[in-house]
Amino acid sequence: MAKVDSIKSWQSNYIGGGQFLYKYARAQDEPLCSAWILVFHKNLVILGNTEPHCQQHTQPSP
């Protein structure tokens, strides 16, 4: 499992006079994995993550 630093250490990035906030961090042991926090209008919070697509799922069946 990928390891990410504590959320408290993530840098806050504001856009639109504070109407949109995002934070993200990359995994220390898997640089293609990341975690995201998106906050819209200080009200709607969306959490997300990225990870590489597994090769076995992208290969066509014989």
N, C-alpha and C. Protein backbone atom coordinates (compact mmCIF):
# COMPACT_ATOMS: atom_id res chain seq x y z
N MET A 1 0.83 -1.18 0.00
CA MET A 1 0.00 0.00 0.00
C MET A 1 0.88 1.25 0.00
N ALA A 2 0.52 2.23 -0.78
CA ALA A 2 1.29 3.47 -0.87
C ALA A 2 1.18 4.26 0.43
N LYS A 3 2.27 4.93 0.81
CA LYS A 3 2.29 5.72 2.04
C LYS A 3 2.39 7.20 1.71
N VAL A 4 1.51 7.99 2.32
CA VAL A 4 1.48 9.43 2.11
C VAL A 4 1.65 10.11 3.46
N ASP A 5 2.35 11.26 3.50
CA ASP A 5 2.52 12.02 4.73
C ASP A 5 1.16 12.45 5.30
N SER A 6 1.15 12.83 6.56
CA SER A 6 -0.06 13.31 7.22
C SER A 6 -0.66 14.49 6.46
N ILE A 7 -1.97 14.56 6.41
CA ILE A 7 -2.67 15.64 5.70
C ILE A 7 -2.24 17.02 6.21
N LYS A 8 -1.93 17.13 7.48
CA LYS A 8 -1.53 18.41 8.07
C LYS A 8 -0.28 18.97 7.40
N SER A 9 0.55 18.12 6.83
CA SER A 9 1.80 18.59 6.21
C SER A 9 1.62 18.98 4.74
N TRP A 10 0.45 18.71 4.16
CA TRP A 10 0.23 19.04 2.75
C TRP A 10 0.06 20.55 2.59
N GLN A 11 0.61 21.10 1.54
CA GLN A 11 0.47 22.53 1.26
C GLN A 11 -0.94 22.84 0.76
N SER A 12 -1.53 23.92 1.25
CA SER A 12 -2.84 24.38 0.79
C SER A 12 -2.67 25.31 -0.39
N ASN A 13 -3.48 25.12 -1.42
CA ASN A 13 -3.44 25.95 -2.63
C ASN A 13 -4.83 26.51 -2.85
N TYR A 14 -4.93 27.84 -2.88
CA TYR A 14 -6.22 28.52 -3.03
C TYR A 14 -6.33 29.14 -4.41
N ILE A 15 -7.53 29.09 -4.97
CA ILE A 15 -7.82 29.69 -6.28
C ILE A 15 -9.14 30.46 -6.14
N GLY A 16 -9.27 31.56 -6.87
CA GLY A 16 -10.52 32.31 -6.88
C GLY A 16 -10.82 33.01 -5.57
N GLY A 17 -9.81 33.61 -4.98
CA GLY A 17 -10.04 34.35 -3.74
C GLY A 17 -10.50 33.45 -2.60
N GLY A 18 -10.06 32.21 -2.58
CA GLY A 18 -10.42 31.29 -1.51
C GLY A 18 -11.68 30.48 -1.78
N GLN A 19 -12.26 30.63 -2.97
CA GLN A 19 -13.47 29.88 -3.30
C GLN A 19 -13.19 28.41 -3.61
N PHE A 20 -11.95 28.11 -3.95
CA PHE A 20 -11.57 26.73 -4.24
C PHE A 20 -10.23 26.45 -3.56
N LEU A 21 -10.17 25.35 -2.82
CA LEU A 21 -8.96 24.93 -2.13
C LEU A 21 -8.63 23.52 -2.58
N TYR A 22 -7.35 23.27 -2.84
CA TYR A 22 -6.95 21.89 -3.08
C TYR A 22 -5.64 21.59 -2.37
N LYS A 23 -5.53 20.34 -1.96
CA LYS A 23 -4.31 19.82 -1.35
C LYS A 23 -4.03 18.49 -2.01
N TYR A 24 -2.75 18.18 -2.18
CA TYR A 24 -2.41 16.87 -2.72
C TYR A 24 -1.04 16.44 -2.21
N ALA A 25 -0.83 15.15 -2.27
CA ALA A 25 0.47 14.59 -1.89
C ALA A 25 0.72 13.34 -2.71
N ARG A 26 1.99 13.13 -3.03
CA ARG A 26 2.38 11.90 -3.74
C ARG A 26 2.85 10.88 -2.71
N ALA A 27 2.63 9.62 -3.04
CA ALA A 27 3.07 8.56 -2.15
C ALA A 27 4.59 8.51 -2.14
N GLN A 28 5.15 8.28 -0.97
CA GLN A 28 6.60 8.25 -0.82
C GLN A 28 7.21 7.04 -1.52
N ASP A 29 6.53 5.92 -1.45
CA ASP A 29 7.08 4.68 -1.99
C ASP A 29 6.58 4.33 -3.39
N GLU A 30 5.57 5.06 -3.89
CA GLU A 30 5.04 4.83 -5.24
C GLU A 30 4.72 6.19 -5.87
N PRO A 31 5.68 6.81 -6.57
CA PRO A 31 5.51 8.18 -7.06
C PRO A 31 4.37 8.40 -8.05
N LEU A 32 3.81 7.34 -8.63
CA LEU A 32 2.68 7.50 -9.55
C LEU A 32 1.35 7.51 -8.82
N CYS A 33 1.37 7.33 -7.51
CA CYS A 33 0.15 7.36 -6.70
C CYS A 33 0.07 8.70 -5.96
N SER A 34 -1.13 9.25 -5.89
CA SER A 34 -1.31 10.52 -5.17
C SER A 34 -2.69 10.54 -4.51
N ALA A 35 -2.84 11.42 -3.52
CA ALA A 35 -4.11 11.63 -2.83
C ALA A 35 -4.47 13.11 -2.96
N TRP A 36 -5.76 13.40 -3.10
CA TRP A 36 -6.24 14.77 -3.33
C TRP A 36 -7.40 15.10 -2.41
N ILE A 37 -7.45 16.37 -2.00
CA ILE A 37 -8.60 16.94 -1.29
C ILE A 37 -8.98 18.20 -2.05
N LEU A 38 -10.23 18.28 -2.47
CA LEU A 38 -10.75 19.45 -3.19
C LEU A 38 -11.91 20.02 -2.36
N VAL A 39 -11.90 21.34 -2.13
CA VAL A 39 -12.96 21.98 -1.36
C VAL A 39 -13.49 23.16 -2.17
N PHE A 40 -14.79 23.11 -2.46
CA PHE A 40 -15.45 24.16 -3.24
C PHE A 40 -16.31 25.02 -2.32
N HIS A 41 -16.12 26.33 -2.37
CA HIS A 41 -16.92 27.30 -1.61
C HIS A 41 -16.97 26.98 -0.12
N LYS A 42 -15.90 26.41 0.42
CA LYS A 42 -15.80 26.05 1.84
C LYS A 42 -16.95 25.14 2.29
N ASN A 43 -17.54 24.41 1.35
CA ASN A 43 -18.72 23.63 1.67
C ASN A 43 -18.66 22.20 1.13
N LEU A 44 -18.39 22.05 -0.15
CA LEU A 44 -18.38 20.74 -0.80
C LEU A 44 -16.96 20.18 -0.79
N VAL A 45 -16.78 19.02 -0.19
CA VAL A 45 -15.45 18.39 -0.09
C VAL A 45 -15.45 17.13 -0.94
N ILE A 46 -14.42 16.99 -1.78
CA ILE A 46 -14.25 15.81 -2.61
C ILE A 46 -12.86 15.24 -2.32
N LEU A 47 -12.82 13.94 -2.07
CA LEU A 47 -11.56 13.23 -1.84
C LEU A 47 -11.30 12.34 -3.05
N GLY A 48 -10.05 12.23 -3.44
CA GLY A 48 -9.72 11.39 -4.58
C GLY A 48 -8.30 10.85 -4.49
N ASN A 49 -8.02 9.91 -5.36
CA ASN A 49 -6.66 9.37 -5.44
C ASN A 49 -6.35 8.98 -6.88
N THR A 50 -5.08 8.90 -7.18
CA THR A 50 -4.63 8.44 -8.49
C THR A 50 -3.68 7.27 -8.28
N GLU A 51 -3.68 6.38 -9.23
CA GLU A 51 -2.76 5.25 -9.21
C GLU A 51 -2.60 4.76 -10.64
N PRO A 52 -1.48 4.11 -10.95
CA PRO A 52 -1.27 3.66 -12.31
C PRO A 52 -2.27 2.57 -12.69
N HIS A 53 -2.60 2.55 -13.96
CA HIS A 53 -3.51 1.54 -14.49
C HIS A 53 -2.74 0.23 -14.62
N CYS A 54 -3.30 -0.84 -14.15
CA CYS A 54 -2.63 -2.14 -14.18
C CYS A 54 -2.50 -2.62 -15.63
N GLN A 55 -1.33 -3.04 -16.04
CA GLN A 55 -1.07 -3.48 -17.41
C GLN A 55 -1.96 -4.64 -17.83
N GLN A 56 -2.24 -5.56 -16.93
CA GLN A 56 -3.01 -6.73 -17.31
C GLN A 56 -4.43 -6.37 -17.73
N HIS A 57 -4.95 -5.24 -17.29
CA HIS A 57 -6.29 -4.82 -17.66
C HIS A 57 -6.32 -4.09 -18.99
N THR A 58 -5.19 -3.63 -19.47
CA THR A 58 -5.17 -2.88 -20.72
C THR A 58 -4.82 -3.74 -21.92
N GLN A 59 -4.41 -4.98 -21.69
CA GLN A 59 -4.03 -5.88 -22.80
C GLN A 59 -5.28 -6.53 -23.38
N PRO A 60 -5.41 -6.57 -24.71
CA PRO A 60 -6.58 -7.24 -25.31
C PRO A 60 -6.51 -8.76 -25.07
N SER A 61 -7.67 -9.37 -25.01
CA SER A 61 -7.73 -10.82 -24.82
C SER A 61 -7.33 -11.53 -26.11
N PRO A 62 -6.68 -12.69 -26.00
CA PRO A 62 -6.29 -13.44 -27.22
C PRO A 62 -7.49 -14.04 -27.92
